[in-house]
Amino acid sequence: MHHDHLNIWLEKIRNPEKRNWIIMVPNSLAETVVVCGLSRAFIDKHGYGITLVIPQSHSFIVNCYPDTFDRVIHMSLEDMRAFTTNGFIPNNFFQIDFPINTWPLHNGDGRAYALYELWISTVGRAGLNFLNLYRYILHLDWNSTFQFLKIPELVHVESDKLIKKFGIKKNKSVIFFIGNNSNSASPAYLWERIAEFYRRKGIDVIINKFGAMFIPEGLSISFAKIIDIPLELTVPICEHAGNVVSGTNGFIFMALAANIKAKLDILLPNSVCCDYGNLLFKEINYMAGCTQLCAPEITCNAHHLKEWIIPLNNDKTELDDIANDIVNDLTNKYTISS
């Protein structure tokens, strides 16, 4: 996209009525949650209001932060990223009425991305965490407050309709979020064993496939109910079900930032997609997906959270142990729990 086109975009983005900070979030759901949660602190420190630029699919998050933003503009990730890849935003440019790209890879002169890589490679040891990385990008103090999101009351009404439609039993159901959009999926065998152990306890198994990009190869759970749960309805529905098992994804971050009241078990992957065009993955530190280490501020009040390291060798005996201990609320050498 040429600078002429970006200038046209900029005129559309700028608030015609008053001066605004323009904050772009050209990334995943978790990043949008973090930026929204820090936006009140941003206004308190820098003054003025915010025009927030996010993907259309993340619009629900804004509804959980009422009276925070002056304007919200929807733009594709590619168009947002073009402001930096084409050099339209100068390095380290932090000025009102001009876009601030909050993606660490494209922010400033590369220092934010260097910090991002340091955080990924030394999770829990370098004193960095996910929220502090965004405090750095937004020029905030380290002790600036992150606001937890509040699910609008209307969402609870709509959730009740879907709960009745699909017959989701209160505290007697488990919802699987089998897909990831960045990280690899956990083995199908593990999901199948977790499902079987839950069924033996009389718990209904429900698979949510909405928004899943990478799913377990060969997964087959004949007795599971497969449904699509819109993002905005996930938290109340999961609280009603009582049990959730998920990979690492934006839903998990959003749910924890909403103080979800449900038993939450997260399966930690060992690889991340580094090339979406060719679907190539690279191995990562397991801890890079551990929310308790990456974002302790949003897990400190977690209702019932455990995260599970999935062994590389996919040994069925070890996977059986993990599945059994998830269902029966036990721990083993693969458990990360506060």
C-alpha atoms as a PDB file:
ATOM      1  CA  MET A   1       0.000   0.000   0.000  1.00  0.00           C
ATOM      2  CA  HIS A   2       1.502   3.353  -1.115  1.00  0.00           C
ATOM      3  CA  HIS A   3       1.848   6.346   1.176  1.00  0.00           C
ATOM      4  CA  ASP A   4      -0.884   8.155  -0.779  1.00  0.00           C
ATOM      5  CA  HIS A   5      -3.341   5.426   0.168  1.00  0.00           C
ATOM      6  CA  LEU A   6      -2.153   5.479   3.774  1.00  0.00           C
ATOM      7  CA  ASN A   7      -2.668   9.237   3.921  1.00  0.00           C
ATOM      8  CA  ILE A   8      -6.258   8.689   2.796  1.00  0.00           C
ATOM      9  CA  TRP A   9      -6.674   6.087   5.526  1.00  0.00           C
ATOM     10  CA  LEU A  10      -5.170   8.461   8.074  1.00  0.00           C
ATOM     11  CA  GLU A  11      -7.697  11.158   7.242  1.00  0.00           C
ATOM     12  CA  LYS A  12     -10.492   8.632   7.784  1.00  0.00           C
ATOM     13  CA  ILE A  13      -9.007   7.519  11.096  1.00  0.00           C
ATOM     14  CA  ARG A  14      -8.391  10.950  12.586  1.00  0.00           C
ATOM     15  CA  ASN A  15     -11.150  12.304  14.779  1.00  0.00           C
ATOM     16  CA  PRO A  16     -12.688  15.271  12.924  1.00  0.00           C
ATOM     17  CA  GLU A  17     -14.038  16.769  16.142  1.00  0.00           C
ATOM     18  CA  LYS A  18     -11.077  16.761  18.532  1.00  0.00           C
ATOM     19  CA  ARG A  19      -7.529  15.556  19.025  1.00  0.00           C
ATOM     20  CA  ASN A  20      -7.104  11.848  19.723  1.00  0.00           C
ATOM     21  CA  TRP A  21      -4.395   9.313  20.245  1.00  0.00           C
ATOM     22  CA  ILE A  22      -4.640   6.694  17.486  1.00  0.00           C
ATOM     23  CA  ILE A  23      -3.804   3.256  18.852  1.00  0.00           C
ATOM     24  CA  MET A  24      -3.604   0.367  16.384  1.00  0.00           C
ATOM     25  CA  VAL A  25      -3.697  -3.283  17.459  1.00  0.00           C
ATOM     26  CA  PRO A  26      -2.718  -5.295  14.364  1.00  0.00           C
ATOM     27  CA  ASN A  27      -2.522  -8.578  16.180  1.00  0.00           C
ATOM     28  CA  SER A  28      -4.476 -11.288  17.972  1.00  0.00           C
ATOM     29  CA  LEU A  29      -7.300 -11.204  20.493  1.00  0.00           C
ATOM     30  CA  ALA A  30      -5.074 -11.286  23.584  1.00  0.00           C
ATOM     31  CA  GLU A  31      -3.241  -8.155  22.425  1.00  0.00           C
ATOM     32  CA  THR A  32      -6.546  -6.327  21.952  1.00  0.00           C
ATOM     33  CA  VAL A  33      -7.572  -7.301  25.491  1.00  0.00           C
ATOM     34  CA  VAL A  34      -4.282  -6.008  26.909  1.00  0.00           C
ATOM     35  CA  VAL A  35      -4.463  -2.685  25.061  1.00  0.00           C
ATOM     36  CA  CYS A  36      -8.092  -2.163  26.078  1.00  0.00           C
ATOM     37  CA  GLY A  37      -7.279  -3.047  29.671  1.00  0.00           C
ATOM     38  CA  LEU A  38      -4.463  -0.472  29.758  1.00  0.00           C
ATOM     39  CA  SER A  39      -6.333   2.254  27.871  1.00  0.00           C
ATOM     40  CA  ARG A  40      -7.790   3.999  30.919  1.00  0.00           C
ATOM     41  CA  ALA A  41      -4.287   4.218  32.415  1.00  0.00           C
ATOM     42  CA  PHE A  42      -3.077   5.552  29.050  1.00  0.00           C
ATOM     43  CA  ILE A  43      -5.679   8.354  29.077  1.00  0.00           C
ATOM     44  CA  ASP A  44      -4.901   9.191  32.703  1.00  0.00           C
ATOM     45  CA  LYS A  45      -1.192   9.590  31.917  1.00  0.00           C
ATOM     46  CA  HIS A  46      -1.180  11.105  28.413  1.00  0.00           C
ATOM     47  CA  GLY A  47      -4.460  13.018  28.381  1.00  0.00           C
ATOM     48  CA  TYR A  48      -6.946  13.402  25.514  1.00  0.00           C
ATOM     49  CA  GLY A  49      -8.975  10.442  24.257  1.00  0.00           C
ATOM     50  CA  ILE A  50      -8.314   7.388  22.114  1.00  0.00           C
ATOM     51  CA  THR A  51      -9.328   6.333  18.632  1.00  0.00           C
ATOM     52  CA  LEU A  52      -8.859   2.562  18.741  1.00  0.00           C
ATOM     53  CA  VAL A  53      -8.134   0.683  15.502  1.00  0.00           C
ATOM     54  CA  ILE A  54      -8.794  -3.073  15.677  1.00  0.00           C
ATOM     55  CA  PRO A  55     -10.030  -5.944  13.475  1.00  0.00           C
ATOM     56  CA  GLN A  56     -13.798  -6.249  13.155  1.00  0.00           C
ATOM     57  CA  SER A  57     -13.659  -9.662  14.830  1.00  0.00           C
ATOM     58  CA  HIS A  58     -12.398  -8.062  18.069  1.00  0.00           C
ATOM     59  CA  SER A  59     -15.212  -5.519  18.352  1.00  0.00           C
ATOM     60  CA  PHE A  60     -16.827  -7.329  21.265  1.00  0.00           C
ATOM     61  CA  ILE A  61     -13.859  -6.534  23.526  1.00  0.00           C
ATOM     62  CA  VAL A  62     -14.575  -2.809  23.233  1.00  0.00           C
ATOM     63  CA  ASN A  63     -18.101  -3.423  24.543  1.00  0.00           C
ATOM     64  CA  CYS A  64     -16.521  -4.766  27.733  1.00  0.00           C
ATOM     65  CA  TYR A  65     -14.821  -1.396  28.333  1.00  0.00           C
ATOM     66  CA  PRO A  66     -17.680   1.117  28.125  1.00  0.00           C
ATOM     67  CA  ASP A  67     -16.935   4.852  28.120  1.00  0.00           C
ATOM     68  CA  THR A  68     -13.237   4.240  27.422  1.00  0.00           C
ATOM     69  CA  PHE A  69     -12.795   5.110  23.735  1.00  0.00           C
ATOM     70  CA  ASP A  70     -13.847   8.167  21.742  1.00  0.00           C
ATOM     71  CA  ARG A  71     -13.971   6.229  18.491  1.00  0.00           C
ATOM     72  CA  VAL A  72     -13.405   2.675  17.243  1.00  0.00           C
ATOM     73  CA  ILE A  73     -12.268   2.011  13.661  1.00  0.00           C
ATOM     74  CA  HIS A  74     -12.255  -1.478  12.138  1.00  0.00           C
ATOM     75  CA  MET A  75      -9.367  -2.322   9.826  1.00  0.00           C
ATOM     76  CA  SER A  76      -7.733  -5.517   8.612  1.00  0.00           C
ATOM     77  CA  LEU A  77      -4.444  -6.669  10.104  1.00  0.00           C
ATOM     78  CA  GLU A  78      -2.740  -6.262   6.746  1.00  0.00           C
ATOM     79  CA  ASP A  79      -3.853  -2.639   6.331  1.00  0.00           C
ATOM     80  CA  MET A  80      -2.791  -1.742   9.870  1.00  0.00           C
ATOM     81  CA  ARG A  81       0.594  -3.370   9.444  1.00  0.00           C
ATOM     82  CA  ALA A  82       1.139  -1.528   6.174  1.00  0.00           C
ATOM     83  CA  PHE A  83       1.522   1.718   8.122  1.00  0.00           C
ATOM     84  CA  THR A  84       4.791   0.345   9.481  1.00  0.00           C
ATOM     85  CA  THR A  85       6.023  -2.027   6.781  1.00  0.00           C
ATOM     86  CA  ASN A  86       5.906   0.853   4.271  1.00  0.00           C
ATOM     87  CA  GLY A  87       7.721   3.215   6.606  1.00  0.00           C
ATOM     88  CA  PHE A  88       4.735   5.533   7.011  1.00  0.00           C
ATOM     89  CA  ILE A  89       5.148   5.569  10.804  1.00  0.00           C
ATOM     90  CA  PRO A  90       8.673   6.806  11.668  1.00  0.00           C
ATOM     91  CA  ASN A  91      10.721   4.849  14.192  1.00  0.00           C
ATOM     92  CA  ASN A  92       9.900   5.681  17.821  1.00  0.00           C
ATOM     93  CA  PHE A  93       7.218   8.178  16.740  1.00  0.00           C
ATOM     94  CA  PHE A  94       4.792   8.695  19.605  1.00  0.00           C
ATOM     95  CA  GLN A  95       2.516  11.607  18.886  1.00  0.00           C
ATOM     96  CA  ILE A  96      -1.157  12.448  19.183  1.00  0.00           C
ATOM     97  CA  ASP A  97      -3.285  12.296  15.992  1.00  0.00           C
ATOM     98  CA  PHE A  98      -0.821   9.856  14.402  1.00  0.00           C
ATOM     99  CA  PRO A  99      -0.978   6.026  14.510  1.00  0.00           C
ATOM    100  CA  ILE A 100       0.852   4.078  17.185  1.00  0.00           C
ATOM    101  CA  ASN A 101       1.413   0.479  16.081  1.00  0.00           C
ATOM    102  CA  THR A 102       1.356  -1.671  19.217  1.00  0.00           C
ATOM    103  CA  TRP A 103       2.597  -4.845  17.552  1.00  0.00           C
ATOM    104  CA  PRO A 104       6.067  -5.498  19.087  1.00  0.00           C
ATOM    105  CA  LEU A 105       7.462  -6.738  15.782  1.00  0.00           C
ATOM    106  CA  HIS A 106       6.730  -3.387  14.119  1.00  0.00           C
ATOM    107  CA  ASN A 107       6.914  -0.970  17.027  1.00  0.00           C
ATOM    108  CA  GLY A 108       9.663   1.660  17.185  1.00  0.00           C
ATOM    109  CA  ASP A 109      13.169   0.777  16.053  1.00  0.00           C
ATOM    110  CA  GLY A 110      13.079  -2.896  17.032  1.00  0.00           C
ATOM    111  CA  ARG A 111      13.677  -2.622  20.753  1.00  0.00           C
ATOM    112  CA  ALA A 112      10.124  -3.709  21.582  1.00  0.00           C
ATOM    113  CA  TYR A 113      10.566  -6.838  19.478  1.00  0.00           C
ATOM    114  CA  ALA A 114      13.912  -7.532  21.153  1.00  0.00           C
ATOM    115  CA  LEU A 115      12.125  -7.362  24.499  1.00  0.00           C
ATOM    116  CA  TYR A 116       9.399  -9.638  23.103  1.00  0.00           C
ATOM    117  CA  GLU A 117      11.994 -12.234  22.091  1.00  0.00           C
ATOM    118  CA  LEU A 118      13.684 -11.929  25.500  1.00  0.00           C
ATOM    119  CA  TRP A 119      10.342 -12.488  27.202  1.00  0.00           C
ATOM    120  CA  ILE A 120       9.559 -15.552  25.056  1.00  0.00           C
ATOM    121  CA  SER A 121      12.963 -17.142  25.655  1.00  0.00           C
ATOM    122  CA  THR A 122      13.248 -16.376  29.388  1.00  0.00           C
ATOM    123  CA  VAL A 123       9.663 -16.524  30.659  1.00  0.00           C
ATOM    124  CA  GLY A 124       9.632 -16.153  34.436  1.00  0.00           C
ATOM    125  CA  ARG A 125      13.338 -15.336  34.704  1.00  0.00           C
ATOM    126  CA  ALA A 126      13.973 -11.937  33.097  1.00  0.00           C
ATOM    127  CA  GLY A 127      11.415  -9.957  35.065  1.00  0.00           C
ATOM    128  CA  LEU A 128       9.340  -9.380  31.936  1.00  0.00           C
ATOM    129  CA  ASN A 129       5.730 -10.260  31.319  1.00  0.00           C
ATOM    130  CA  PHE A 130       3.188  -9.737  28.576  1.00  0.00           C
ATOM    131  CA  LEU A 131       1.456  -6.753  30.182  1.00  0.00           C
ATOM    132  CA  ASN A 132       4.709  -4.973  30.968  1.00  0.00           C
ATOM    133  CA  LEU A 133       5.744  -5.315  27.341  1.00  0.00           C
ATOM    134  CA  TYR A 134       2.649  -3.350  26.347  1.00  0.00           C
ATOM    135  CA  ARG A 135       3.201  -0.831  29.124  1.00  0.00           C
ATOM    136  CA  TYR A 136       6.576  -0.184  27.513  1.00  0.00           C
ATOM    137  CA  ILE A 137       5.044   0.240  24.056  1.00  0.00           C
ATOM    138  CA  LEU A 138       2.337   2.594  25.386  1.00  0.00           C
ATOM    139  CA  HIS A 139       4.838   4.652  27.440  1.00  0.00           C
ATOM    140  CA  LEU A 140       3.109   3.757  30.697  1.00  0.00           C
ATOM    141  CA  ASP A 141       4.461   3.398  34.213  1.00  0.00           C
ATOM    142  CA  TRP A 142       5.203  -0.156  35.360  1.00  0.00           C
ATOM    143  CA  ASN A 143       2.580   0.125  38.093  1.00  0.00           C
ATOM    144  CA  SER A 144      -0.171   1.423  35.797  1.00  0.00           C
ATOM    145  CA  THR A 145      -3.465  -0.369  36.370  1.00  0.00           C
ATOM    146  CA  PHE A 146      -4.804  -3.062  34.067  1.00  0.00           C
ATOM    147  CA  GLN A 147      -8.595  -3.034  34.076  1.00  0.00           C
ATOM    148  CA  PHE A 148     -10.350  -6.378  33.928  1.00  0.00           C
ATOM    149  CA  LEU A 149     -13.079  -6.584  31.328  1.00  0.00           C
ATOM    150  CA  LYS A 150     -16.752  -6.661  32.280  1.00  0.00           C
ATOM    151  CA  ILE A 151     -19.143  -8.818  30.269  1.00  0.00           C
ATOM    152  CA  PRO A 152     -22.221  -6.720  29.338  1.00  0.00           C
ATOM    153  CA  GLU A 153     -25.509  -7.823  30.886  1.00  0.00           C
ATOM    154  CA  LEU A 154     -27.125  -8.313  27.473  1.00  0.00           C
ATOM    155  CA  VAL A 155     -24.547 -11.001  26.719  1.00  0.00           C
ATOM    156  CA  HIS A 156     -25.835 -13.073  29.640  1.00  0.00           C
ATOM    157  CA  VAL A 157     -29.343 -12.905  28.203  1.00  0.00           C
ATOM    158  CA  GLU A 158     -28.157 -14.121  24.783  1.00  0.00           C
ATOM    159  CA  SER A 159     -26.036 -16.825  26.410  1.00  0.00           C
ATOM    160  CA  ASP A 160     -29.060 -18.226  28.221  1.00  0.00           C
ATOM    161  CA  LYS A 161     -30.783 -18.671  24.871  1.00  0.00           C
ATOM    162  CA  LEU A 162     -27.904 -20.721  23.456  1.00  0.00           C
ATOM    163  CA  ILE A 163     -27.598 -22.745  26.685  1.00  0.00           C
ATOM    164  CA  LYS A 164     -31.263 -23.747  26.360  1.00  0.00           C
ATOM    165  CA  LYS A 165     -30.974 -24.388  22.615  1.00  0.00           C
ATOM    166  CA  PHE A 166     -28.135 -26.900  23.033  1.00  0.00           C
ATOM    167  CA  GLY A 167     -29.191 -28.296  26.409  1.00  0.00           C
ATOM    168  CA  ILE A 168     -25.936 -27.463  28.194  1.00  0.00           C
ATOM    169  CA  LYS A 169     -26.174 -28.854  31.716  1.00  0.00           C
ATOM    170  CA  LYS A 170     -25.163 -26.563  34.577  1.00  0.00           C
ATOM    171  CA  ASN A 171     -21.889 -27.706  36.211  1.00  0.00           C
ATOM    172  CA  LYS A 172     -22.290 -31.070  34.456  1.00  0.00           C
ATOM    173  CA  SER A 173     -20.677 -30.191  31.109  1.00  0.00           C
ATOM    174  CA  VAL A 174     -17.163 -29.663  29.820  1.00  0.00           C
ATOM    175  CA  ILE A 175     -16.425 -27.451  26.832  1.00  0.00           C
ATOM    176  CA  PHE A 176     -13.381 -28.186  24.686  1.00  0.00           C
ATOM    177  CA  PHE A 177     -11.658 -25.376  22.780  1.00  0.00           C
ATOM    178  CA  ILE A 178      -9.599 -27.679  20.617  1.00  0.00           C
ATOM    179  CA  GLY A 179      -8.168 -25.109  18.216  1.00  0.00           C
ATOM    180  CA  ASN A 180      -5.297 -22.668  18.290  1.00  0.00           C
ATOM    181  CA  ASN A 181      -4.622 -19.847  15.857  1.00  0.00           C
ATOM    182  CA  SER A 182      -0.896 -19.498  16.521  1.00  0.00           C
ATOM    183  CA  ASN A 183       0.257 -22.576  18.416  1.00  0.00           C
ATOM    184  CA  SER A 184       0.078 -26.190  17.379  1.00  0.00           C
ATOM    185  CA  ALA A 185      -2.815 -28.290  18.635  1.00  0.00           C
ATOM    186  CA  SER A 186      -2.374 -30.944  21.306  1.00  0.00           C
ATOM    187  CA  PRO A 187      -2.577 -34.613  20.186  1.00  0.00           C
ATOM    188  CA  ALA A 188      -5.989 -35.989  19.246  1.00  0.00           C
ATOM    189  CA  TYR A 189      -5.347 -38.962  21.528  1.00  0.00           C
ATOM    190  CA  LEU A 190      -5.106 -36.683  24.570  1.00  0.00           C
ATOM    191  CA  TRP A 191      -8.373 -34.903  23.746  1.00  0.00           C
ATOM    192  CA  GLU A 192     -10.090 -38.257  23.221  1.00  0.00           C
ATOM    193  CA  ARG A 193      -8.890 -39.580  26.592  1.00  0.00           C
ATOM    194  CA  ILE A 194      -9.952 -36.424  28.436  1.00  0.00           C
ATOM    195  CA  ALA A 195     -13.370 -36.737  26.801  1.00  0.00           C
ATOM    196  CA  GLU A 196     -13.687 -40.411  27.749  1.00  0.00           C
ATOM    197  CA  PHE A 197     -12.720 -39.792  31.385  1.00  0.00           C
ATOM    198  CA  TYR A 198     -15.225 -36.938  31.624  1.00  0.00           C
ATOM    199  CA  ARG A 199     -17.944 -39.128  30.128  1.00  0.00           C
ATOM    200  CA  ARG A 200     -17.274 -41.803  32.765  1.00  0.00           C
ATOM    201  CA  LYS A 201     -18.003 -39.158  35.413  1.00  0.00           C
ATOM    202  CA  GLY A 202     -21.329 -38.329  33.811  1.00  0.00           C
ATOM    203  CA  ILE A 203     -20.130 -35.023  32.361  1.00  0.00           C
ATOM    204  CA  ASP A 204     -21.397 -34.026  28.893  1.00  0.00           C
ATOM    205  CA  VAL A 205     -18.611 -33.275  26.398  1.00  0.00           C
ATOM    206  CA  ILE A 206     -19.075 -30.279  24.097  1.00  0.00           C
ATOM    207  CA  ILE A 207     -16.622 -29.212  21.404  1.00  0.00           C
ATOM    208  CA  ASN A 208     -16.568 -25.575  20.329  1.00  0.00           C
ATOM    209  CA  LYS A 209     -15.083 -25.321  16.859  1.00  0.00           C
ATOM    210  CA  PHE A 210     -15.777 -21.616  16.291  1.00  0.00           C
ATOM    211  CA  GLY A 211     -12.629 -19.651  15.418  1.00  0.00           C
ATOM    212  CA  ALA A 212     -10.309 -22.675  15.401  1.00  0.00           C
ATOM    213  CA  MET A 213      -7.523 -22.590  12.812  1.00  0.00           C
ATOM    214  CA  PHE A 214      -5.189 -25.408  13.919  1.00  0.00           C
ATOM    215  CA  ILE A 215      -7.066 -28.466  15.196  1.00  0.00           C
ATOM    216  CA  PRO A 216      -5.844 -31.935  16.280  1.00  0.00           C
ATOM    217  CA  GLU A 217      -5.276 -34.213  13.323  1.00  0.00           C
ATOM    218  CA  GLY A 218      -7.563 -37.235  13.292  1.00  0.00           C
ATOM    219  CA  LEU A 219      -9.688 -36.137  16.254  1.00  0.00           C
ATOM    220  CA  SER A 220     -12.818 -38.284  16.639  1.00  0.00           C
ATOM    221  CA  ILE A 221     -15.117 -38.132  19.688  1.00  0.00           C
ATOM    222  CA  SER A 222     -18.382 -39.706  18.581  1.00  0.00           C
ATOM    223  CA  PHE A 223     -20.320 -38.901  21.754  1.00  0.00           C
ATOM    224  CA  ALA A 224     -19.350 -35.211  21.877  1.00  0.00           C
ATOM    225  CA  LYS A 225     -21.760 -32.449  20.935  1.00  0.00           C
ATOM    226  CA  ILE A 226     -20.150 -30.085  18.386  1.00  0.00           C
ATOM    227  CA  ILE A 227     -21.358 -26.475  18.396  1.00  0.00           C
ATOM    228  CA  ASP A 228     -20.242 -22.974  17.452  1.00  0.00           C
ATOM    229  CA  ILE A 229     -20.103 -20.533  20.360  1.00  0.00           C
ATOM    230  CA  PRO A 230     -19.705 -16.876  19.306  1.00  0.00           C
ATOM    231  CA  LEU A 231     -16.803 -15.202  21.092  1.00  0.00           C
ATOM    232  CA  GLU A 232     -19.012 -12.776  23.001  1.00  0.00           C
ATOM    233  CA  LEU A 233     -21.019 -15.626  24.559  1.00  0.00           C
ATOM    234  CA  THR A 234     -18.155 -17.907  25.589  1.00  0.00           C
ATOM    235  CA  VAL A 235     -17.555 -16.720  29.157  1.00  0.00           C
ATOM    236  CA  PRO A 236     -21.142 -16.999  30.498  1.00  0.00           C
ATOM    237  CA  ILE A 237     -21.681 -20.317  28.706  1.00  0.00           C
ATOM    238  CA  CYS A 238     -18.438 -21.775  30.090  1.00  0.00           C
ATOM    239  CA  GLU A 239     -19.353 -20.601  33.576  1.00  0.00           C
ATOM    240  CA  HIS A 240     -22.674 -22.394  33.211  1.00  0.00           C
ATOM    241  CA  ALA A 241     -20.983 -25.589  31.994  1.00  0.00           C
ATOM    242  CA  GLY A 242     -18.506 -25.435  34.876  1.00  0.00           C
ATOM    243  CA  ASN A 243     -15.536 -27.082  33.122  1.00  0.00           C
ATOM    244  CA  VAL A 244     -13.281 -25.948  30.270  1.00  0.00           C
ATOM    245  CA  VAL A 245     -10.300 -27.587  28.557  1.00  0.00           C
ATOM    246  CA  SER A 246      -8.474 -25.487  25.976  1.00  0.00           C
ATOM    247  CA  GLY A 247      -5.314 -24.947  24.066  1.00  0.00           C
ATOM    248  CA  THR A 248      -3.531 -21.606  24.395  1.00  0.00           C
ATOM    249  CA  ASN A 249      -5.552 -19.035  22.470  1.00  0.00           C
ATOM    250  CA  GLY A 250      -7.097 -15.587  22.683  1.00  0.00           C
ATOM    251  CA  PHE A 251     -10.266 -16.920  24.283  1.00  0.00           C
ATOM    252  CA  ILE A 252      -8.287 -18.105  27.313  1.00  0.00           C
ATOM    253  CA  PHE A 253      -6.692 -14.697  27.803  1.00  0.00           C
ATOM    254  CA  MET A 254     -10.046 -12.956  27.422  1.00  0.00           C
ATOM    255  CA  ALA A 255     -11.735 -15.367  29.820  1.00  0.00           C
ATOM    256  CA  LEU A 256      -9.077 -14.877  32.491  1.00  0.00           C
ATOM    257  CA  ALA A 257      -9.280 -11.109  32.032  1.00  0.00           C
ATOM    258  CA  ALA A 258     -13.022 -11.476  32.656  1.00  0.00           C
ATOM    259  CA  ASN A 259     -12.378 -13.402  35.899  1.00  0.00           C
ATOM    260  CA  ILE A 260     -14.187 -16.452  34.532  1.00  0.00           C
ATOM    261  CA  LYS A 261     -15.731 -18.675  37.198  1.00  0.00           C
ATOM    262  CA  ALA A 262     -15.117 -22.164  35.857  1.00  0.00           C
ATOM    263  CA  LYS A 263     -12.627 -25.016  36.212  1.00  0.00           C
ATOM    264  CA  LEU A 264     -10.059 -24.137  33.557  1.00  0.00           C
ATOM    265  CA  ASP A 265      -7.403 -26.545  32.247  1.00  0.00           C
ATOM    266  CA  ILE A 266      -5.023 -25.283  29.548  1.00  0.00           C
ATOM    267  CA  LEU A 267      -2.885 -27.546  27.353  1.00  0.00           C
ATOM    268  CA  LEU A 268       0.495 -25.966  26.589  1.00  0.00           C
ATOM    269  CA  PRO A 269       1.814 -26.589  23.053  1.00  0.00           C
ATOM    270  CA  ASN A 270       5.438 -27.046  22.122  1.00  0.00           C
ATOM    271  CA  SER A 271       5.454 -25.221  18.777  1.00  0.00           C
ATOM    272  CA  VAL A 272       4.160 -22.074  17.111  1.00  0.00           C
ATOM    273  CA  CYS A 273       3.332 -21.348  13.484  1.00  0.00           C
ATOM    274  CA  CYS A 274       6.123 -19.257  11.983  1.00  0.00           C
ATOM    275  CA  ASP A 275       4.891 -19.343   8.377  1.00  0.00           C
ATOM    276  CA  TYR A 276       1.128 -19.306   7.844  1.00  0.00           C
ATOM    277  CA  GLY A 277       1.479 -19.510   4.067  1.00  0.00           C
ATOM    278  CA  ASN A 278       3.247 -22.870   4.227  1.00  0.00           C
ATOM    279  CA  LEU A 279       1.985 -23.890   7.685  1.00  0.00           C
ATOM    280  CA  LEU A 280       5.480 -24.296   9.077  1.00  0.00           C
ATOM    281  CA  PHE A 281       5.971 -24.560  12.848  1.00  0.00           C
ATOM    282  CA  LYS A 282       8.972 -23.960  15.083  1.00  0.00           C
ATOM    283  CA  GLU A 283       9.601 -25.364  18.533  1.00  0.00           C
ATOM    284  CA  ILE A 284       9.118 -22.995  21.466  1.00  0.00           C
ATOM    285  CA  ASN A 285       9.668 -22.967  25.190  1.00  0.00           C
ATOM    286  CA  TYR A 286       6.614 -24.565  26.814  1.00  0.00           C
ATOM    287  CA  MET A 287       6.597 -21.791  29.379  1.00  0.00           C
ATOM    288  CA  ALA A 288       6.008 -19.204  26.626  1.00  0.00           C
ATOM    289  CA  GLY A 289       2.378 -20.308  26.597  1.00  0.00           C
ATOM    290  CA  CYS A 290       1.963 -20.399  30.375  1.00  0.00           C
ATOM    291  CA  THR A 291      -0.418 -17.601  31.303  1.00  0.00           C
ATOM    292  CA  GLN A 292       0.534 -17.787  34.982  1.00  0.00           C
ATOM    293  CA  LEU A 293       4.090 -16.782  34.065  1.00  0.00           C
ATOM    294  CA  CYS A 294       3.376 -14.580  31.038  1.00  0.00           C
ATOM    295  CA  ALA A 295       0.559 -12.523  32.559  1.00  0.00           C
ATOM    296  CA  PRO A 296       0.426 -13.119  36.326  1.00  0.00           C
ATOM    297  CA  GLU A 297      -1.738 -10.030  36.827  1.00  0.00           C
ATOM    298  CA  ILE A 298      -4.679 -11.652  35.070  1.00  0.00           C
ATOM    299  CA  THR A 299      -4.278 -15.073  36.694  1.00  0.00           C
ATOM    300  CA  CYS A 300      -3.802 -13.965  40.310  1.00  0.00           C
ATOM    301  CA  ASN A 301      -7.567 -14.131  40.857  1.00  0.00           C
ATOM    302  CA  ALA A 302      -8.181 -17.143  38.633  1.00  0.00           C
ATOM    303  CA  HIS A 303     -11.087 -19.227  39.937  1.00  0.00           C
ATOM    304  CA  HIS A 304      -9.658 -22.698  39.254  1.00  0.00           C
ATOM    305  CA  LEU A 305      -6.737 -22.713  36.808  1.00  0.00           C
ATOM    306  CA  LYS A 306      -4.220 -25.376  35.890  1.00  0.00           C
ATOM    307  CA  GLU A 307      -1.886 -25.483  32.899  1.00  0.00           C
ATOM    308  CA  TRP A 308      -0.404 -28.680  31.545  1.00  0.00           C
ATOM    309  CA  ILE A 309       2.880 -29.268  29.714  1.00  0.00           C
ATOM    310  CA  ILE A 310       2.289 -31.743  26.883  1.00  0.00           C
ATOM    311  CA  PRO A 311       5.324 -34.080  26.529  1.00  0.00           C
ATOM    312  CA  LEU A 312       7.047 -34.108  23.161  1.00  0.00           C
ATOM    313  CA  ASN A 313       7.178 -37.890  22.801  1.00  0.00           C
ATOM    314  CA  ASN A 314       3.354 -38.279  22.941  1.00  0.00           C
ATOM    315  CA  ASP A 315       3.776 -41.351  25.160  1.00  0.00           C
ATOM    316  CA  LYS A 316       0.246 -42.703  25.650  1.00  0.00           C
ATOM    317  CA  THR A 317       0.860 -43.672  29.285  1.00  0.00           C
ATOM    318  CA  GLU A 318       1.898 -40.102  30.103  1.00  0.00           C
ATOM    319  CA  LEU A 319      -0.999 -38.649  28.127  1.00  0.00           C
ATOM    320  CA  ASP A 320      -3.387 -40.959  29.994  1.00  0.00           C
ATOM    321  CA  ASP A 321      -2.009 -39.659  33.290  1.00  0.00           C
ATOM    322  CA  ILE A 322      -2.501 -36.043  32.186  1.00  0.00           C
ATOM    323  CA  ALA A 323      -6.048 -36.749  31.007  1.00  0.00           C
ATOM    324  CA  ASN A 324      -6.964 -38.550  34.235  1.00  0.00           C
ATOM    325  CA  ASP A 325      -5.521 -35.812  36.442  1.00  0.00           C
ATOM    326  CA  ILE A 326      -7.259 -33.046  34.485  1.00  0.00           C
ATOM    327  CA  VAL A 327     -10.640 -34.703  34.905  1.00  0.00           C
ATOM    328  CA  ASN A 328     -10.130 -35.645  38.560  1.00  0.00           C
ATOM    329  CA  ASP A 329      -8.529 -32.329  39.543  1.00  0.00           C
ATOM    330  CA  LEU A 330      -5.176 -33.851  40.492  1.00  0.00           C
ATOM    331  CA  THR A 331      -1.603 -32.767  39.722  1.00  0.00           C
ATOM    332  CA  ASN A 332       1.465 -34.470  38.325  1.00  0.00           C
ATOM    333  CA  LYS A 333       4.907 -33.528  37.042  1.00  0.00           C
ATOM    334  CA  TYR A 334       3.356 -31.850  33.987  1.00  0.00           C
ATOM    335  CA  THR A 335       1.104 -29.504  35.998  1.00  0.00           C
ATOM    336  CA  ILE A 336       1.688 -25.767  36.400  1.00  0.00           C
ATOM    337  CA  SER A 337      -0.563 -24.473  39.135  1.00  0.00           C
ATOM    338  CA  SER A 338      -0.387 -21.501  41.472  1.00  0.00           C
END
